[in-house]
Amino acid sequence: MESQPPEHAPDLPVGVEAMEHTADLGLLVRAPSLEELFRRAAAGMLALMEDTSPPAGSSSEDSEARPISLEAVDADTLLVQWLRELLYLYQVGGCAYSGVEFDHLSPQRLEGRIRCRDAGPGVREIKGVTHHDLEVTSSEGEWRARVVFDV
């Protein structure tokens, strides 16, 4: 799949690149570890949805921590479940991802605590995280993921 920058190119985290995909939008994510891949994918999805400048008066110290526990058959499915959970928290609870502390992360299981802040102004609605063109790989000390969002 060829990567093309979207019309509205947000400030994305290091190692994350936006890609347009027909009527959808995706991310290509690179990281030195699985933990960092999941962090970057979460930050990248948030950057696609909102102006990621923290709201006035907010800080990571006063963000809310929520426990999370997910299991999947592989890293691809676990990444989708992770991003779907963050999207749900954003849409239903107004909780914007601001970080995570992993107690355990393997390609089949994730345990930890998500840090949240109040959601900021939205610039794009993401309806869902898809399995279309989904891929998580590890090679030569680098993790890579491709994930497509329904917008």
N, C-alpha and C. Protein backbone atom coordinates (compact mmCIF):
# COMPACT_ATOMS: atom_id res chain seq x y z
N MET A 1 0.84 -1.17 0.00
CA MET A 1 0.00 0.00 0.00
C MET A 1 0.89 1.23 0.00
N GLU A 2 0.60 2.20 -0.89
CA GLU A 2 1.37 3.43 -0.92
C GLU A 2 0.87 4.39 0.14
N SER A 3 1.80 5.10 0.74
CA SER A 3 1.46 6.08 1.76
C SER A 3 1.39 7.45 1.13
N GLN A 4 0.27 8.15 1.35
CA GLN A 4 0.11 9.51 0.88
C GLN A 4 -0.33 10.35 2.05
N PRO A 5 0.26 11.54 2.24
CA PRO A 5 -0.14 12.37 3.36
C PRO A 5 -1.57 12.86 3.17
N PRO A 6 -2.37 12.92 4.26
CA PRO A 6 -3.74 13.40 4.16
C PRO A 6 -3.75 14.92 3.99
N GLU A 7 -4.93 15.44 3.56
CA GLU A 7 -5.07 16.88 3.37
C GLU A 7 -4.78 17.63 4.66
N HIS A 8 -5.37 17.20 5.77
CA HIS A 8 -5.10 17.82 7.07
C HIS A 8 -4.06 16.96 7.76
N ALA A 9 -2.81 17.37 7.70
CA ALA A 9 -1.73 16.58 8.29
C ALA A 9 -1.46 17.08 9.70
N PRO A 10 -1.92 16.35 10.73
CA PRO A 10 -1.71 16.77 12.11
C PRO A 10 -0.26 16.57 12.53
N ASP A 11 0.10 17.16 13.65
CA ASP A 11 1.42 16.91 14.23
C ASP A 11 1.38 15.52 14.83
N LEU A 12 2.07 14.59 14.22
CA LEU A 12 2.06 13.21 14.67
C LEU A 12 3.31 12.93 15.49
N PRO A 13 3.23 11.95 16.39
CA PRO A 13 4.40 11.60 17.19
C PRO A 13 5.54 11.05 16.33
N VAL A 14 6.73 11.06 16.85
CA VAL A 14 7.89 10.48 16.19
C VAL A 14 7.58 9.02 15.86
N GLY A 15 7.92 8.60 14.66
CA GLY A 15 7.71 7.21 14.26
C GLY A 15 6.32 6.91 13.75
N VAL A 16 5.46 7.95 13.57
CA VAL A 16 4.09 7.75 13.11
C VAL A 16 3.87 8.60 11.87
N GLU A 17 3.27 7.98 10.84
CA GLU A 17 3.02 8.66 9.58
C GLU A 17 1.57 8.41 9.18
N ALA A 18 0.84 9.46 8.81
CA ALA A 18 -0.55 9.32 8.37
C ALA A 18 -0.56 8.84 6.93
N MET A 19 -1.59 8.08 6.57
CA MET A 19 -1.74 7.64 5.19
C MET A 19 -3.22 7.66 4.85
N GLU A 20 -3.54 8.11 3.65
CA GLU A 20 -4.93 8.08 3.21
C GLU A 20 -5.21 6.71 2.62
N HIS A 21 -6.45 6.27 2.78
CA HIS A 21 -6.82 4.95 2.31
C HIS A 21 -8.27 5.01 1.87
N THR A 22 -8.51 5.15 0.58
CA THR A 22 -9.85 5.34 0.01
C THR A 22 -10.65 6.30 0.89
N ALA A 23 -11.77 5.85 1.47
CA ALA A 23 -12.59 6.71 2.33
C ALA A 23 -12.14 6.63 3.78
N ASP A 24 -11.04 5.97 4.03
CA ASP A 24 -10.55 5.79 5.38
C ASP A 24 -9.24 6.55 5.57
N LEU A 25 -8.71 6.44 6.76
CA LEU A 25 -7.44 7.07 7.09
C LEU A 25 -6.64 6.07 7.91
N GLY A 26 -5.34 6.03 7.71
CA GLY A 26 -4.53 5.06 8.43
C GLY A 26 -3.27 5.65 8.99
N LEU A 27 -2.57 4.81 9.75
CA LEU A 27 -1.28 5.17 10.32
C LEU A 27 -0.27 4.08 10.00
N LEU A 28 0.93 4.51 9.71
CA LEU A 28 2.09 3.61 9.66
C LEU A 28 2.91 3.99 10.89
N VAL A 29 3.19 3.01 11.73
CA VAL A 29 3.87 3.28 13.00
C VAL A 29 5.14 2.44 13.06
N ARG A 30 6.23 3.07 13.51
CA ARG A 30 7.51 2.38 13.70
C ARG A 30 7.97 2.67 15.12
N ALA A 31 8.56 1.66 15.77
CA ALA A 31 9.03 1.85 17.14
C ALA A 31 10.08 0.78 17.47
N PRO A 32 10.94 1.06 18.46
CA PRO A 32 11.97 0.10 18.83
C PRO A 32 11.46 -1.04 19.71
N SER A 33 10.23 -0.93 20.24
CA SER A 33 9.68 -1.99 21.09
C SER A 33 8.17 -2.07 20.89
N LEU A 34 7.59 -3.19 21.32
CA LEU A 34 6.15 -3.36 21.23
C LEU A 34 5.44 -2.32 22.09
N GLU A 35 5.98 -2.06 23.29
CA GLU A 35 5.39 -1.06 24.18
C GLU A 35 5.34 0.30 23.51
N GLU A 36 6.45 0.70 22.89
CA GLU A 36 6.50 2.01 22.24
C GLU A 36 5.60 2.03 21.00
N LEU A 37 5.47 0.92 20.31
CA LEU A 37 4.56 0.83 19.16
C LEU A 37 3.13 1.12 19.60
N PHE A 38 2.70 0.52 20.70
CA PHE A 38 1.34 0.73 21.21
C PHE A 38 1.16 2.18 21.67
N ARG A 39 2.17 2.74 22.32
CA ARG A 39 2.10 4.14 22.75
C ARG A 39 1.98 5.08 21.54
N ARG A 40 2.83 4.86 20.55
CA ARG A 40 2.83 5.72 19.37
C ARG A 40 1.54 5.58 18.57
N ALA A 41 1.02 4.38 18.45
CA ALA A 41 -0.25 4.18 17.73
C ALA A 41 -1.38 4.92 18.43
N ALA A 42 -1.42 4.86 19.76
CA ALA A 42 -2.45 5.56 20.53
C ALA A 42 -2.32 7.07 20.36
N ALA A 43 -1.10 7.59 20.48
CA ALA A 43 -0.87 9.02 20.32
C ALA A 43 -1.18 9.47 18.89
N GLY A 44 -0.86 8.63 17.92
CA GLY A 44 -1.15 8.94 16.52
C GLY A 44 -2.64 9.00 16.25
N MET A 45 -3.40 8.04 16.78
CA MET A 45 -4.86 8.06 16.60
C MET A 45 -5.44 9.33 17.22
N LEU A 46 -4.99 9.68 18.42
CA LEU A 46 -5.48 10.88 19.08
C LEU A 46 -5.15 12.12 18.25
N ALA A 47 -3.94 12.17 17.69
CA ALA A 47 -3.54 13.32 16.87
C ALA A 47 -4.42 13.45 15.62
N LEU A 48 -4.91 12.34 15.09
CA LEU A 48 -5.82 12.40 13.94
C LEU A 48 -7.19 12.93 14.33
N MET A 49 -7.59 12.73 15.60
CA MET A 49 -8.93 13.10 16.04
C MET A 49 -9.05 14.52 16.58
N GLU A 50 -8.00 15.04 17.21
CA GLU A 50 -8.14 16.33 17.88
C GLU A 50 -6.88 17.15 17.82
N ASP A 51 -7.05 18.41 18.16
CA ASP A 51 -5.91 19.28 18.38
C ASP A 51 -5.28 18.77 19.66
N THR A 52 -4.08 18.19 19.56
CA THR A 52 -3.49 17.51 20.72
C THR A 52 -2.82 18.44 21.71
N SER A 53 -2.96 19.76 21.54
CA SER A 53 -2.47 20.68 22.57
C SER A 53 -3.32 20.46 23.82
N PRO A 54 -2.69 20.21 24.99
CA PRO A 54 -3.49 19.97 26.19
C PRO A 54 -4.36 21.18 26.51
N PRO A 55 -5.61 20.94 26.96
CA PRO A 55 -6.48 22.04 27.35
C PRO A 55 -5.82 22.87 28.46
N ALA A 56 -6.15 24.16 28.50
CA ALA A 56 -5.57 25.05 29.52
C ALA A 56 -5.83 24.50 30.91
N GLY A 57 -4.79 24.53 31.74
CA GLY A 57 -4.92 24.07 33.12
C GLY A 57 -4.76 22.58 33.31
N SER A 58 -4.56 21.81 32.24
CA SER A 58 -4.42 20.36 32.41
C SER A 58 -2.94 19.99 32.42
N SER A 59 -2.65 18.89 33.07
CA SER A 59 -1.28 18.37 33.08
C SER A 59 -1.35 16.86 33.25
N SER A 60 -0.24 16.19 32.97
CA SER A 60 -0.25 14.74 33.11
C SER A 60 -0.39 14.33 34.57
N GLU A 61 -0.01 15.22 35.50
CA GLU A 61 -0.14 14.88 36.92
C GLU A 61 -1.60 14.75 37.35
N ASP A 62 -2.49 15.54 36.72
CA ASP A 62 -3.89 15.47 37.15
C ASP A 62 -4.74 14.62 36.21
N SER A 63 -4.10 13.83 35.36
CA SER A 63 -4.86 12.97 34.48
C SER A 63 -5.38 11.75 35.26
N GLU A 64 -6.47 11.22 34.77
CA GLU A 64 -7.12 10.08 35.41
C GLU A 64 -6.48 8.78 34.91
N ALA A 65 -6.26 7.81 35.81
CA ALA A 65 -5.72 6.50 35.42
C ALA A 65 -6.85 5.47 35.45
N ARG A 66 -6.95 4.70 34.38
CA ARG A 66 -7.98 3.66 34.26
C ARG A 66 -7.31 2.32 33.99
N PRO A 67 -7.69 1.28 34.73
CA PRO A 67 -7.09 -0.03 34.47
C PRO A 67 -7.57 -0.58 33.13
N ILE A 68 -6.68 -1.36 32.50
CA ILE A 68 -7.03 -2.01 31.23
C ILE A 68 -6.42 -3.39 31.21
N SER A 69 -7.19 -4.34 30.69
CA SER A 69 -6.73 -5.72 30.54
C SER A 69 -7.35 -6.26 29.25
N LEU A 70 -6.49 -6.65 28.30
CA LEU A 70 -6.96 -7.16 27.02
C LEU A 70 -6.21 -8.43 26.66
N GLU A 71 -6.90 -9.35 25.97
CA GLU A 71 -6.26 -10.56 25.46
C GLU A 71 -6.67 -10.74 24.00
N ALA A 72 -5.76 -11.28 23.21
CA ALA A 72 -6.03 -11.49 21.78
C ALA A 72 -5.20 -12.66 21.29
N VAL A 73 -5.49 -13.11 20.07
CA VAL A 73 -4.77 -14.24 19.49
C VAL A 73 -3.41 -13.85 18.96
N ASP A 74 -3.24 -12.55 18.62
CA ASP A 74 -1.96 -12.10 18.07
C ASP A 74 -1.81 -10.59 18.27
N ALA A 75 -0.64 -10.06 17.92
CA ALA A 75 -0.35 -8.64 18.12
C ALA A 75 -1.25 -7.75 17.26
N ASP A 76 -1.60 -8.21 16.05
CA ASP A 76 -2.48 -7.43 15.18
C ASP A 76 -3.82 -7.17 15.87
N THR A 77 -4.44 -8.25 16.33
CA THR A 77 -5.75 -8.15 16.98
C THR A 77 -5.65 -7.37 18.29
N LEU A 78 -4.57 -7.56 19.03
CA LEU A 78 -4.40 -6.83 20.29
C LEU A 78 -4.30 -5.32 20.02
N LEU A 79 -3.59 -4.93 18.97
CA LEU A 79 -3.48 -3.51 18.64
C LEU A 79 -4.86 -2.93 18.31
N VAL A 80 -5.67 -3.64 17.55
CA VAL A 80 -7.02 -3.17 17.22
C VAL A 80 -7.84 -3.04 18.50
N GLN A 81 -7.79 -4.04 19.37
CA GLN A 81 -8.55 -3.98 20.62
C GLN A 81 -8.11 -2.79 21.47
N TRP A 82 -6.80 -2.55 21.56
CA TRP A 82 -6.23 -1.44 22.30
C TRP A 82 -6.78 -0.11 21.77
N LEU A 83 -6.69 0.09 20.47
CA LEU A 83 -7.14 1.35 19.88
C LEU A 83 -8.65 1.50 19.97
N ARG A 84 -9.39 0.40 19.84
CA ARG A 84 -10.86 0.47 19.99
C ARG A 84 -11.23 0.87 21.41
N GLU A 85 -10.53 0.35 22.40
CA GLU A 85 -10.80 0.72 23.79
C GLU A 85 -10.54 2.21 24.01
N LEU A 86 -9.43 2.71 23.47
CA LEU A 86 -9.12 4.14 23.61
C LEU A 86 -10.14 5.00 22.88
N LEU A 87 -10.59 4.56 21.70
CA LEU A 87 -11.61 5.29 20.95
C LEU A 87 -12.92 5.32 21.73
N TYR A 88 -13.30 4.21 22.35
CA TYR A 88 -14.51 4.14 23.17
C TYR A 88 -14.42 5.12 24.34
N LEU A 89 -13.29 5.11 25.04
CA LEU A 89 -13.12 6.02 26.18
C LEU A 89 -13.21 7.48 25.73
N TYR A 90 -12.68 7.78 24.57
CA TYR A 90 -12.71 9.13 24.02
C TYR A 90 -14.14 9.54 23.67
N GLN A 91 -14.84 8.65 22.95
CA GLN A 91 -16.17 9.00 22.45
C GLN A 91 -17.23 9.01 23.54
N VAL A 92 -17.17 8.05 24.44
CA VAL A 92 -18.21 7.91 25.46
C VAL A 92 -17.88 8.68 26.73
N GLY A 93 -16.63 8.65 27.13
CA GLY A 93 -16.27 9.26 28.41
C GLY A 93 -15.52 10.58 28.32
N GLY A 94 -15.26 11.06 27.10
CA GLY A 94 -14.50 12.30 26.96
C GLY A 94 -13.08 12.18 27.51
N CYS A 95 -12.56 10.96 27.50
CA CYS A 95 -11.23 10.65 28.05
C CYS A 95 -10.24 10.54 26.90
N ALA A 96 -9.34 11.51 26.80
CA ALA A 96 -8.32 11.50 25.75
C ALA A 96 -7.05 10.86 26.29
N TYR A 97 -6.51 9.90 25.56
CA TYR A 97 -5.28 9.21 25.94
C TYR A 97 -4.16 10.21 26.20
N SER A 98 -3.51 10.08 27.37
CA SER A 98 -2.34 10.92 27.63
C SER A 98 -1.13 10.09 28.05
N GLY A 99 -1.29 8.77 28.09
CA GLY A 99 -0.16 7.90 28.40
C GLY A 99 -0.64 6.56 28.92
N VAL A 100 0.31 5.65 29.10
CA VAL A 100 -0.02 4.32 29.61
C VAL A 100 1.16 3.79 30.41
N GLU A 101 0.84 3.05 31.44
CA GLU A 101 1.84 2.31 32.21
C GLU A 101 1.50 0.84 32.01
N PHE A 102 2.39 0.12 31.34
CA PHE A 102 2.17 -1.30 31.10
C PHE A 102 2.73 -2.11 32.26
N ASP A 103 1.90 -3.00 32.81
CA ASP A 103 2.38 -3.99 33.76
C ASP A 103 2.84 -5.22 33.00
N HIS A 104 2.16 -5.50 31.88
CA HIS A 104 2.51 -6.63 31.01
C HIS A 104 2.05 -6.29 29.60
N LEU A 105 2.92 -6.53 28.64
CA LEU A 105 2.54 -6.41 27.23
C LEU A 105 3.29 -7.45 26.44
N SER A 106 2.53 -8.35 25.83
CA SER A 106 3.07 -9.35 24.92
C SER A 106 2.16 -9.31 23.68
N PRO A 107 2.50 -10.03 22.63
CA PRO A 107 1.64 -10.00 21.45
C PRO A 107 0.21 -10.53 21.70
N GLN A 108 0.00 -11.22 22.82
CA GLN A 108 -1.33 -11.75 23.11
C GLN A 108 -2.02 -11.12 24.32
N ARG A 109 -1.31 -10.32 25.13
CA ARG A 109 -1.93 -9.81 26.36
C ARG A 109 -1.38 -8.43 26.72
N LEU A 110 -2.30 -7.60 27.20
CA LEU A 110 -1.96 -6.24 27.64
C LEU A 110 -2.60 -6.01 29.00
N GLU A 111 -1.82 -5.57 29.96
CA GLU A 111 -2.33 -5.21 31.29
C GLU A 111 -1.66 -3.91 31.69
N GLY A 112 -2.42 -3.00 32.26
CA GLY A 112 -1.82 -1.76 32.72
C GLY A 112 -2.86 -0.73 33.09
N ARG A 113 -2.42 0.54 33.04
CA ARG A 113 -3.28 1.66 33.38
C ARG A 113 -3.13 2.75 32.32
N ILE A 114 -4.27 3.17 31.80
CA ILE A 114 -4.31 4.25 30.82
C ILE A 114 -4.46 5.57 31.57
N ARG A 115 -3.64 6.54 31.22
CA ARG A 115 -3.81 7.89 31.76
C ARG A 115 -4.64 8.69 30.76
N CYS A 116 -5.61 9.42 31.30
CA CYS A 116 -6.53 10.20 30.48
C CYS A 116 -6.55 11.65 30.92
N ARG A 117 -6.91 12.49 29.98
CA ARG A 117 -7.20 13.90 30.26
C ARG A 117 -8.52 14.21 29.57
N ASP A 118 -9.09 15.36 29.88
CA ASP A 118 -10.32 15.75 29.20
C ASP A 118 -10.04 15.91 27.71
N ALA A 119 -10.95 15.41 26.90
CA ALA A 119 -10.79 15.51 25.44
C ALA A 119 -10.81 16.96 25.01
N GLY A 120 -9.96 17.28 24.04
CA GLY A 120 -9.88 18.63 23.50
C GLY A 120 -10.78 18.79 22.29
N PRO A 121 -10.63 19.91 21.59
CA PRO A 121 -11.46 20.16 20.41
C PRO A 121 -11.18 19.13 19.31
N GLY A 122 -12.23 18.56 18.76
CA GLY A 122 -12.08 17.57 17.71
C GLY A 122 -11.86 18.22 16.35
N VAL A 123 -11.04 17.56 15.52
CA VAL A 123 -10.83 18.01 14.14
C VAL A 123 -11.31 16.97 13.14
N ARG A 124 -11.53 15.74 13.61
CA ARG A 124 -11.97 14.66 12.73
C ARG A 124 -12.60 13.57 13.60
N GLU A 125 -13.69 12.99 13.08
CA GLU A 125 -14.32 11.88 13.78
C GLU A 125 -13.79 10.56 13.24
N ILE A 126 -13.34 9.71 14.13
CA ILE A 126 -12.99 8.34 13.77
C ILE A 126 -14.14 7.46 14.23
N LYS A 127 -14.74 6.74 13.29
CA LYS A 127 -15.88 5.90 13.61
C LYS A 127 -15.46 4.53 14.14
N GLY A 128 -14.30 4.05 13.68
CA GLY A 128 -13.88 2.73 14.12
C GLY A 128 -12.47 2.40 13.70
N VAL A 129 -11.93 1.37 14.34
CA VAL A 129 -10.60 0.83 14.02
C VAL A 129 -10.86 -0.47 13.27
N THR A 130 -10.30 -0.60 12.08
CA THR A 130 -10.62 -1.75 11.24
C THR A 130 -9.50 -2.80 11.23
N HIS A 131 -9.84 -3.95 10.69
CA HIS A 131 -8.85 -5.00 10.44
C HIS A 131 -8.33 -4.94 9.00
N HIS A 132 -8.87 -4.01 8.21
CA HIS A 132 -8.49 -3.88 6.80
C HIS A 132 -7.02 -3.46 6.70
N ASP A 133 -6.23 -4.21 5.95
CA ASP A 133 -4.80 -3.96 5.75
C ASP A 133 -4.00 -3.91 7.04
N LEU A 134 -4.54 -4.46 8.11
CA LEU A 134 -3.88 -4.46 9.41
C LEU A 134 -2.63 -5.33 9.37
N GLU A 135 -1.56 -4.81 9.96
CA GLU A 135 -0.32 -5.59 10.02
C GLU A 135 0.55 -5.08 11.17
N VAL A 136 1.03 -6.02 11.98
CA VAL A 136 2.03 -5.72 13.01
C VAL A 136 3.17 -6.69 12.79
N THR A 137 4.39 -6.17 12.61
CA THR A 137 5.55 -7.02 12.38
C THR A 137 6.73 -6.54 13.21
N SER A 138 7.68 -7.45 13.39
CA SER A 138 8.92 -7.12 14.07
C SER A 138 10.06 -7.69 13.24
N SER A 139 11.05 -6.83 12.95
CA SER A 139 12.19 -7.26 12.16
C SER A 139 13.39 -6.39 12.48
N GLU A 140 14.52 -7.04 12.70
CA GLU A 140 15.78 -6.35 12.94
C GLU A 140 15.68 -5.28 14.03
N GLY A 141 15.01 -5.62 15.13
CA GLY A 141 14.92 -4.72 16.27
C GLY A 141 13.94 -3.58 16.12
N GLU A 142 13.08 -3.63 15.10
CA GLU A 142 12.08 -2.57 14.92
C GLU A 142 10.70 -3.19 14.77
N TRP A 143 9.73 -2.62 15.49
CA TRP A 143 8.34 -3.01 15.35
C TRP A 143 7.68 -2.04 14.38
N ARG A 144 6.78 -2.58 13.54
CA ARG A 144 6.05 -1.77 12.58
C ARG A 144 4.58 -2.18 12.61
N ALA A 145 3.72 -1.19 12.41
CA ALA A 145 2.29 -1.48 12.34
C ALA A 145 1.66 -0.61 11.27
N ARG A 146 0.65 -1.17 10.65
CA ARG A 146 -0.21 -0.44 9.73
C ARG A 146 -1.64 -0.66 10.23
N VAL A 147 -2.34 0.42 10.46
CA VAL A 147 -3.72 0.32 10.96
C VAL A 147 -4.57 1.36 10.22
N VAL A 148 -5.79 0.94 9.86
CA VAL A 148 -6.71 1.79 9.09
C VAL A 148 -7.93 2.09 9.95
N PHE A 149 -8.36 3.36 9.91
CA PHE A 149 -9.52 3.82 10.67
C PHE A 149 -10.66 4.16 9.72
N ASP A 150 -11.89 3.85 10.13
CA ASP A 150 -13.08 4.23 9.41
C ASP A 150 -13.42 5.66 9.84
N VAL A 151 -13.41 6.60 8.90
CA VAL A 151 -13.70 8.01 9.24
C VAL A 151 -14.98 8.49 8.59
